[in-house]
Amino acid sequence: MECPACPLAVPPKLYVYGHLNRVRSGRRLERETPRNVELIWLTEPLTPDRTTTVDNRGDNRKAIRRACRELPTAA
């Protein structure tokens, strides 16, 4: 299912997942979303495209950096 208008909670979940699992690319997150069980659960079976994730990343850069600083890094 494509994601024309994602709920506001979905992109931050993707970024936290990407940060903890060292997935930085919007294209890679887009590829992983429909086949990774953890991401399917997080995104409530929606599949945001890369432009949605990249646009949201650009619009909320400072808030994302603050949130990622507070998370533990994957070892």
PDB file of N, CA and C in Angstrom:
ATOM      1  N   MET A   1       0.859  -1.168   0.000  1.00  0.00           N
ATOM      2  CA  MET A   1       0.000   0.000   0.000  1.00  0.00           C
ATOM      3  C   MET A   1       0.903   1.227   0.000  1.00  0.00           C
ATOM      4  N   GLU A   2       0.715   2.101  -0.941  1.00  0.00           N
ATOM      5  CA  GLU A   2       1.511   3.320  -0.996  1.00  0.00           C
ATOM      6  C   GLU A   2       1.009   4.298   0.056  1.00  0.00           C
ATOM      7  N   CYS A   3       1.790   5.255   0.352  1.00  0.00           N
ATOM      8  CA  CYS A   3       1.488   6.161   1.456  1.00  0.00           C
ATOM      9  C   CYS A   3       1.356   7.591   0.949  1.00  0.00           C
ATOM     10  N   PRO A   4       0.218   7.988   0.370  1.00  0.00           N
ATOM     11  CA  PRO A   4       0.085   9.345  -0.145  1.00  0.00           C
ATOM     12  C   PRO A   4       0.108  10.402   0.948  1.00  0.00           C
ATOM     13  N   ALA A   5      -0.493  10.118   2.078  1.00  0.00           N
ATOM     14  CA  ALA A   5      -0.480  11.061   3.198  1.00  0.00           C
ATOM     15  C   ALA A   5      -0.220  10.265   4.471  1.00  0.00           C
ATOM     16  N   CYS A   6       1.036  10.142   4.820  1.00  0.00           N
ATOM     17  CA  CYS A   6       1.407   9.367   6.006  1.00  0.00           C
ATOM     18  C   CYS A   6       0.956  10.079   7.266  1.00  0.00           C
ATOM     19  N   PRO A   7       0.546   9.316   8.275  1.00  0.00           N
ATOM     20  CA  PRO A   7       0.303   9.938   9.567  1.00  0.00           C
ATOM     21  C   PRO A   7       1.593  10.566  10.077  1.00  0.00           C
ATOM     22  N   LEU A   8       1.495  11.590  10.860  1.00  0.00           N
ATOM     23  CA  LEU A   8       2.672  12.319  11.331  1.00  0.00           C
ATOM     24  C   LEU A   8       3.622  11.471  12.168  1.00  0.00           C
ATOM     25  N   ALA A   9       3.138  10.384  12.729  1.00  0.00           N
ATOM     26  CA  ALA A   9       3.984   9.555  13.584  1.00  0.00           C
ATOM     27  C   ALA A   9       4.879   8.606  12.796  1.00  0.00           C
ATOM     28  N   VAL A  10       4.599   8.368  11.524  1.00  0.00           N
ATOM     29  CA  VAL A  10       5.358   7.371  10.765  1.00  0.00           C
ATOM     30  C   VAL A  10       6.790   7.805  10.440  1.00  0.00           C
ATOM     31  N   PRO A  11       7.051   8.984   9.865  1.00  0.00           N
ATOM     32  CA  PRO A  11       8.440   9.336   9.549  1.00  0.00           C
ATOM     33  C   PRO A  11       9.389   9.340  10.745  1.00  0.00           C
ATOM     34  N   PRO A  12       8.995   9.845  11.914  1.00  0.00           N
ATOM     35  CA  PRO A  12       9.933   9.754  13.047  1.00  0.00           C
ATOM     36  C   PRO A  12      10.262   8.312  13.431  1.00  0.00           C
ATOM     37  N   LYS A  13       9.299   7.421  13.315  1.00  0.00           N
ATOM     38  CA  LYS A  13       9.560   6.011  13.603  1.00  0.00           C
ATOM     39  C   LYS A  13      10.596   5.451  12.637  1.00  0.00           C
ATOM     40  N   LEU A  14      10.477   5.832  11.367  1.00  0.00           N
ATOM     41  CA  LEU A  14      11.450   5.380  10.373  1.00  0.00           C
ATOM     42  C   LEU A  14      12.851   5.893  10.705  1.00  0.00           C
ATOM     43  N   TYR A  15      12.957   7.146  11.108  1.00  0.00           N
ATOM     44  CA  TYR A  15      14.261   7.711  11.423  1.00  0.00           C
ATOM     45  C   TYR A  15      14.892   7.059  12.641  1.00  0.00           C
ATOM     46  N   VAL A  16      14.095   6.795  13.654  1.00  0.00           N
ATOM     47  CA  VAL A  16      14.622   6.129  14.848  1.00  0.00           C
ATOM     48  C   VAL A  16      15.092   4.724  14.477  1.00  0.00           C
ATOM     49  N   TYR A  17      14.283   4.008  13.704  1.00  0.00           N
ATOM     50  CA  TYR A  17      14.683   2.674  13.253  1.00  0.00           C
ATOM     51  C   TYR A  17      15.988   2.763  12.448  1.00  0.00           C
ATOM     52  N   GLY A  18      16.047   3.700  11.522  1.00  0.00           N
ATOM     53  CA  GLY A  18      17.234   3.863  10.696  1.00  0.00           C
ATOM     54  C   GLY A  18      18.459   4.219  11.519  1.00  0.00           C
ATOM     55  N   HIS A  19      18.281   5.066  12.509  1.00  0.00           N
ATOM     56  CA  HIS A  19      19.397   5.464  13.367  1.00  0.00           C
ATOM     57  C   HIS A  19      19.927   4.269  14.159  1.00  0.00           C
ATOM     58  N   LEU A  20      19.031   3.516  14.750  1.00  0.00           N
ATOM     59  CA  LEU A  20      19.454   2.384  15.573  1.00  0.00           C
ATOM     60  C   LEU A  20      20.049   1.246  14.750  1.00  0.00           C
ATOM     61  N   ASN A  21      19.629   1.119  13.496  1.00  0.00           N
ATOM     62  CA  ASN A  21      20.099   0.028  12.642  1.00  0.00           C
ATOM     63  C   ASN A  21      21.064   0.488  11.555  1.00  0.00           C
ATOM     64  N   ARG A  22      21.522   1.734  11.678  1.00  0.00           N
ATOM     65  CA  ARG A  22      22.499   2.315  10.751  1.00  0.00           C
ATOM     66  C   ARG A  22      22.028   2.265   9.298  1.00  0.00           C
ATOM     67  N   VAL A  23      20.775   2.590   9.096  1.00  0.00           N
ATOM     68  CA  VAL A  23      20.211   2.711   7.754  1.00  0.00           C
ATOM     69  C   VAL A  23      19.945   4.191   7.546  1.00  0.00           C
ATOM     70  N   ARG A  24      20.812   4.866   6.808  1.00  0.00           N
ATOM     71  CA  ARG A  24      20.695   6.317   6.648  1.00  0.00           C
ATOM     72  C   ARG A  24      19.980   6.721   5.365  1.00  0.00           C
ATOM     73  N   SER A  25      20.006   5.875   4.361  1.00  0.00           N
ATOM     74  CA  SER A  25      19.486   6.217   3.047  1.00  0.00           C
ATOM     75  C   SER A  25      17.960   6.133   2.992  1.00  0.00           C
ATOM     76  N   GLY A  26      17.334   7.161   2.414  1.00  0.00           N
ATOM     77  CA  GLY A  26      15.887   7.138   2.225  1.00  0.00           C
ATOM     78  C   GLY A  26      15.465   6.033   1.268  1.00  0.00           C
ATOM     79  N   ARG A  27      16.289   5.769   0.259  1.00  0.00           N
ATOM     80  CA  ARG A  27      15.986   4.687  -0.691  1.00  0.00           C
ATOM     81  C   ARG A  27      16.053   3.324  -0.012  1.00  0.00           C
ATOM     82  N   ARG A  28      17.024   3.159   0.860  1.00  0.00           N
ATOM     83  CA  ARG A  28      17.140   1.872   1.559  1.00  0.00           C
ATOM     84  C   ARG A  28      15.993   1.680   2.539  1.00  0.00           C
ATOM     85  N   LEU A  29      15.598   2.745   3.234  1.00  0.00           N
ATOM     86  CA  LEU A  29      14.427   2.647   4.118  1.00  0.00           C
ATOM     87  C   LEU A  29      13.178   2.308   3.317  1.00  0.00           C
ATOM     88  N   GLU A  30      13.041   2.921   2.141  1.00  0.00           N
ATOM     89  CA  GLU A  30      11.887   2.634   1.278  1.00  0.00           C
ATOM     90  C   GLU A  30      11.887   1.165   0.858  1.00  0.00           C
ATOM     91  N   ARG A  31      13.053   0.626   0.527  1.00  0.00           N
ATOM     92  CA  ARG A  31      13.168  -0.781   0.115  1.00  0.00           C
ATOM     93  C   ARG A  31      12.888  -1.733   1.262  1.00  0.00           C
ATOM     94  N   GLU A  32      13.349  -1.380   2.457  1.00  0.00           N
ATOM     95  CA  GLU A  32      13.202  -2.250   3.621  1.00  0.00           C
ATOM     96  C   GLU A  32      11.787  -2.269   4.190  1.00  0.00           C
ATOM     97  N   THR A  33      11.047  -1.183   4.050  1.00  0.00           N
ATOM     98  CA  THR A  33       9.747  -1.046   4.707  1.00  0.00           C
ATOM     99  C   THR A  33       8.759  -2.163   4.373  1.00  0.00           C
ATOM    100  N   PRO A  34       8.550  -2.534   3.101  1.00  0.00           N
ATOM    101  CA  PRO A  34       7.543  -3.569   2.847  1.00  0.00           C
ATOM    102  C   PRO A  34       7.999  -4.994   3.173  1.00  0.00           C
ATOM    103  N   ARG A  35       9.300  -5.221   3.396  1.00  0.00           N
ATOM    104  CA  ARG A  35       9.737  -6.603   3.608  1.00  0.00           C
ATOM    105  C   ARG A  35      10.294  -6.877   5.001  1.00  0.00           C
ATOM    106  N   ASN A  36      10.499  -5.859   5.792  1.00  0.00           N
ATOM    107  CA  ASN A  36      11.047  -6.023   7.133  1.00  0.00           C
ATOM    108  C   ASN A  36       9.895  -6.015   8.133  1.00  0.00           C
ATOM    109  N   VAL A  37       9.770  -7.086   8.902  1.00  0.00           N
ATOM    110  CA  VAL A  37       8.647  -7.225   9.831  1.00  0.00           C
ATOM    111  C   VAL A  37       8.619  -6.100  10.862  1.00  0.00           C
ATOM    112  N   GLU A  38       9.773  -5.701  11.363  1.00  0.00           N
ATOM    113  CA  GLU A  38       9.812  -4.612  12.345  1.00  0.00           C
ATOM    114  C   GLU A  38       9.274  -3.320  11.738  1.00  0.00           C
ATOM    115  N   LEU A  39       9.669  -3.014  10.507  1.00  0.00           N
ATOM    116  CA  LEU A  39       9.201  -1.782   9.865  1.00  0.00           C
ATOM    117  C   LEU A  39       7.724  -1.864   9.497  1.00  0.00           C
ATOM    118  N   ILE A  40       7.257  -3.029   9.098  1.00  0.00           N
ATOM    119  CA  ILE A  40       5.819  -3.188   8.806  1.00  0.00           C
ATOM    120  C   ILE A  40       5.024  -2.884  10.073  1.00  0.00           C
ATOM    121  N   TRP A  41       5.496  -3.376  11.207  1.00  0.00           N
ATOM    122  CA  TRP A  41       4.808  -3.123  12.458  1.00  0.00           C
ATOM    123  C   TRP A  41       4.866  -1.644  12.831  1.00  0.00           C
ATOM    124  N   LEU A  42       6.015  -1.008  12.631  1.00  0.00           N
ATOM    125  CA  LEU A  42       6.167   0.403  12.988  1.00  0.00           C
ATOM    126  C   LEU A  42       5.349   1.333  12.100  1.00  0.00           C
ATOM    127  N   THR A  43       5.274   1.019  10.814  1.00  0.00           N
ATOM    128  CA  THR A  43       4.621   1.929   9.877  1.00  0.00           C
ATOM    129  C   THR A  43       3.149   1.604   9.650  1.00  0.00           C
ATOM    130  N   GLU A  44       2.620   0.669  10.415  1.00  0.00           N
ATOM    131  CA  GLU A  44       1.193   0.328  10.331  1.00  0.00           C
ATOM    132  C   GLU A  44       0.785   0.030   8.899  1.00  0.00           C
ATOM    133  N   PRO A  45       1.335  -1.027   8.299  1.00  0.00           N
ATOM    134  CA  PRO A  45       1.451  -1.447   6.912  1.00  0.00           C
ATOM    135  C   PRO A  45       1.413  -0.381   5.821  1.00  0.00           C
ATOM    136  N   LEU A  46       1.866   0.816   6.077  1.00  0.00           N
ATOM    137  CA  LEU A  46       1.999   1.823   5.031  1.00  0.00           C
ATOM    138  C   LEU A  46       3.421   1.755   4.497  1.00  0.00           C
ATOM    139  N   THR A  47       3.607   2.157   3.264  1.00  0.00           N
ATOM    140  CA  THR A  47       4.936   2.155   2.671  1.00  0.00           C
ATOM    141  C   THR A  47       5.268   3.554   2.189  1.00  0.00           C
ATOM    142  N   PRO A  48       5.839   4.386   3.023  1.00  0.00           N
ATOM    143  CA  PRO A  48       6.186   5.732   2.590  1.00  0.00           C
ATOM    144  C   PRO A  48       7.280   5.685   1.528  1.00  0.00           C
ATOM    145  N   ASP A  49       7.151   6.508   0.514  1.00  0.00           N
ATOM    146  CA  ASP A  49       8.200   6.552  -0.503  1.00  0.00           C
ATOM    147  C   ASP A  49       9.351   7.422  -0.016  1.00  0.00           C
ATOM    148  N   ARG A  50      10.455   7.384  -0.758  1.00  0.00           N
ATOM    149  CA  ARG A  50      11.659   8.082  -0.289  1.00  0.00           C
ATOM    150  C   ARG A  50      11.488   9.588  -0.248  1.00  0.00           C
ATOM    151  N   THR A  51      10.651  10.154  -1.126  1.00  0.00           N
ATOM    152  CA  THR A  51      10.487  11.606  -1.095  1.00  0.00           C
ATOM    153  C   THR A  51       9.783  12.051   0.187  1.00  0.00           C
ATOM    154  N   THR A  52       8.860  11.233   0.668  1.00  0.00           N
ATOM    155  CA  THR A  52       8.193  11.549   1.932  1.00  0.00           C
ATOM    156  C   THR A  52       9.199  11.571   3.071  1.00  0.00           C
ATOM    157  N   THR A  53      10.054  10.547   3.120  1.00  0.00           N
ATOM    158  CA  THR A  53      11.019  10.475   4.216  1.00  0.00           C
ATOM    159  C   THR A  53      12.093  11.549   4.098  1.00  0.00           C
ATOM    160  N   VAL A  54      12.564  11.804   2.875  1.00  0.00           N
ATOM    161  CA  VAL A  54      13.613  12.808   2.684  1.00  0.00           C
ATOM    162  C   VAL A  54      13.079  14.218   2.952  1.00  0.00           C
ATOM    163  N   ASP A  55      11.877  14.516   2.471  1.00  0.00           N
ATOM    164  CA  ASP A  55      11.284  15.831   2.734  1.00  0.00           C
ATOM    165  C   ASP A  55      11.085  16.059   4.225  1.00  0.00           C
ATOM    166  N   ASN A  56      10.603  15.034   4.911  1.00  0.00           N
ATOM    167  CA  ASN A  56      10.379  15.168   6.345  1.00  0.00           C
ATOM    168  C   ASN A  56      11.699  15.335   7.079  1.00  0.00           C
ATOM    169  N   ARG A  57      12.726  14.634   6.631  1.00  0.00           N
ATOM    170  CA  ARG A  57      14.044  14.761   7.247  1.00  0.00           C
ATOM    171  C   ARG A  57      14.562  16.186   7.099  1.00  0.00           C
ATOM    172  N   GLY A  58      14.386  16.786   5.935  1.00  0.00           N
ATOM    173  CA  GLY A  58      14.842  18.151   5.707  1.00  0.00           C
ATOM    174  C   GLY A  58      14.062  19.175   6.507  1.00  0.00           C
ATOM    175  N   ASP A  59      12.755  18.944   6.649  1.00  0.00           N
ATOM    176  CA  ASP A  59      11.907  19.889   7.368  1.00  0.00           C
ATOM    177  C   ASP A  59      12.121  19.843   8.883  1.00  0.00           C
ATOM    178  N   ASN A  60      12.561  18.705   9.399  1.00  0.00           N
ATOM    179  CA  ASN A  60      12.673  18.525  10.853  1.00  0.00           C
ATOM    180  C   ASN A  60      14.079  18.135  11.289  1.00  0.00           C
ATOM    181  N   ARG A  61      15.065  18.642  10.604  1.00  0.00           N
ATOM    182  CA  ARG A  61      16.457  18.244  10.834  1.00  0.00           C
ATOM    183  C   ARG A  61      16.901  18.431  12.293  1.00  0.00           C
ATOM    184  N   LYS A  62      16.631  19.573  12.881  1.00  0.00           N
ATOM    185  CA  LYS A  62      17.093  19.840  14.250  1.00  0.00           C
ATOM    186  C   LYS A  62      16.423  18.913  15.261  1.00  0.00           C
ATOM    187  N   ALA A  63      15.123  18.710  15.134  1.00  0.00           N
ATOM    188  CA  ALA A  63      14.401  17.838  16.070  1.00  0.00           C
ATOM    189  C   ALA A  63      14.875  16.395  15.947  1.00  0.00           C
ATOM    190  N   ILE A  64      15.151  15.954  14.723  1.00  0.00           N
ATOM    191  CA  ILE A  64      15.630  14.586  14.521  1.00  0.00           C
ATOM    192  C   ILE A  64      17.010  14.412  15.137  1.00  0.00           C
ATOM    193  N   ARG A  65      17.883  15.381  14.959  1.00  0.00           N
ATOM    194  CA  ARG A  65      19.226  15.288  15.551  1.00  0.00           C
ATOM    195  C   ARG A  65      19.155  15.224  17.072  1.00  0.00           C
ATOM    196  N   ARG A  66      18.289  16.054  17.661  1.00  0.00           N
ATOM    197  CA  ARG A  66      18.149  16.032  19.124  1.00  0.00           C
ATOM    198  C   ARG A  66      17.657  14.674  19.599  1.00  0.00           C
ATOM    199  N   ALA A  67      16.660  14.130  18.908  1.00  0.00           N
ATOM    200  CA  ALA A  67      16.105  12.831  19.300  1.00  0.00           C
ATOM    201  C   ALA A  67      17.133  11.717  19.144  1.00  0.00           C
ATOM    202  N   CYS A  68      17.893  11.748  18.056  1.00  0.00           N
ATOM    203  CA  CYS A  68      18.893  10.695  17.816  1.00  0.00           C
ATOM    204  C   CYS A  68      20.053  10.790  18.808  1.00  0.00           C
ATOM    205  N   ARG A  69      20.384  11.976  19.264  1.00  0.00           N
ATOM    206  CA  ARG A  69      21.446  12.120  20.262  1.00  0.00           C
ATOM    207  C   ARG A  69      21.071  11.452  21.583  1.00  0.00           C
ATOM    208  N   GLU A  70      19.789  11.452  21.879  1.00  0.00           N
ATOM    209  CA  GLU A  70      19.338  10.873  23.136  1.00  0.00           C
ATOM    210  C   GLU A  70      19.196   9.354  23.074  1.00  0.00           C
ATOM    211  N   LEU A  71      19.249   8.777  21.879  1.00  0.00           N
ATOM    212  CA  LEU A  71      19.114   7.321  21.739  1.00  0.00           C
ATOM    213  C   LEU A  71      20.470   6.659  21.883  1.00  0.00           C
ATOM    214  N   PRO A  72      20.487   5.431  22.390  1.00  0.00           N
ATOM    215  CA  PRO A  72      21.753   4.704  22.440  1.00  0.00           C
ATOM    216  C   PRO A  72      22.130   4.279  21.024  1.00  0.00           C
ATOM    217  N   THR A  73      23.415   4.174  20.750  1.00  0.00           N
ATOM    218  CA  THR A  73      23.854   3.745  19.428  1.00  0.00           C
ATOM    219  C   THR A  73      23.914   2.232  19.374  1.00  0.00           C
ATOM    220  N   ALA A  74      23.649   1.696  18.172  1.00  0.00           N
ATOM    221  CA  ALA A  74      23.726   0.248  17.986  1.00  0.00           C
ATOM    222  C   ALA A  74      25.187  -0.167  18.007  1.00  0.00           C
ATOM    223  N   ALA A  75      25.485  -1.224  18.707  1.00  0.00           N
ATOM    224  CA  ALA A  75      26.886  -1.664  18.819  1.00  0.00           C
ATOM    225  C   ALA A  75      27.216  -2.720  17.811  1.00  0.00           C
TER     226      ALA A  75
END
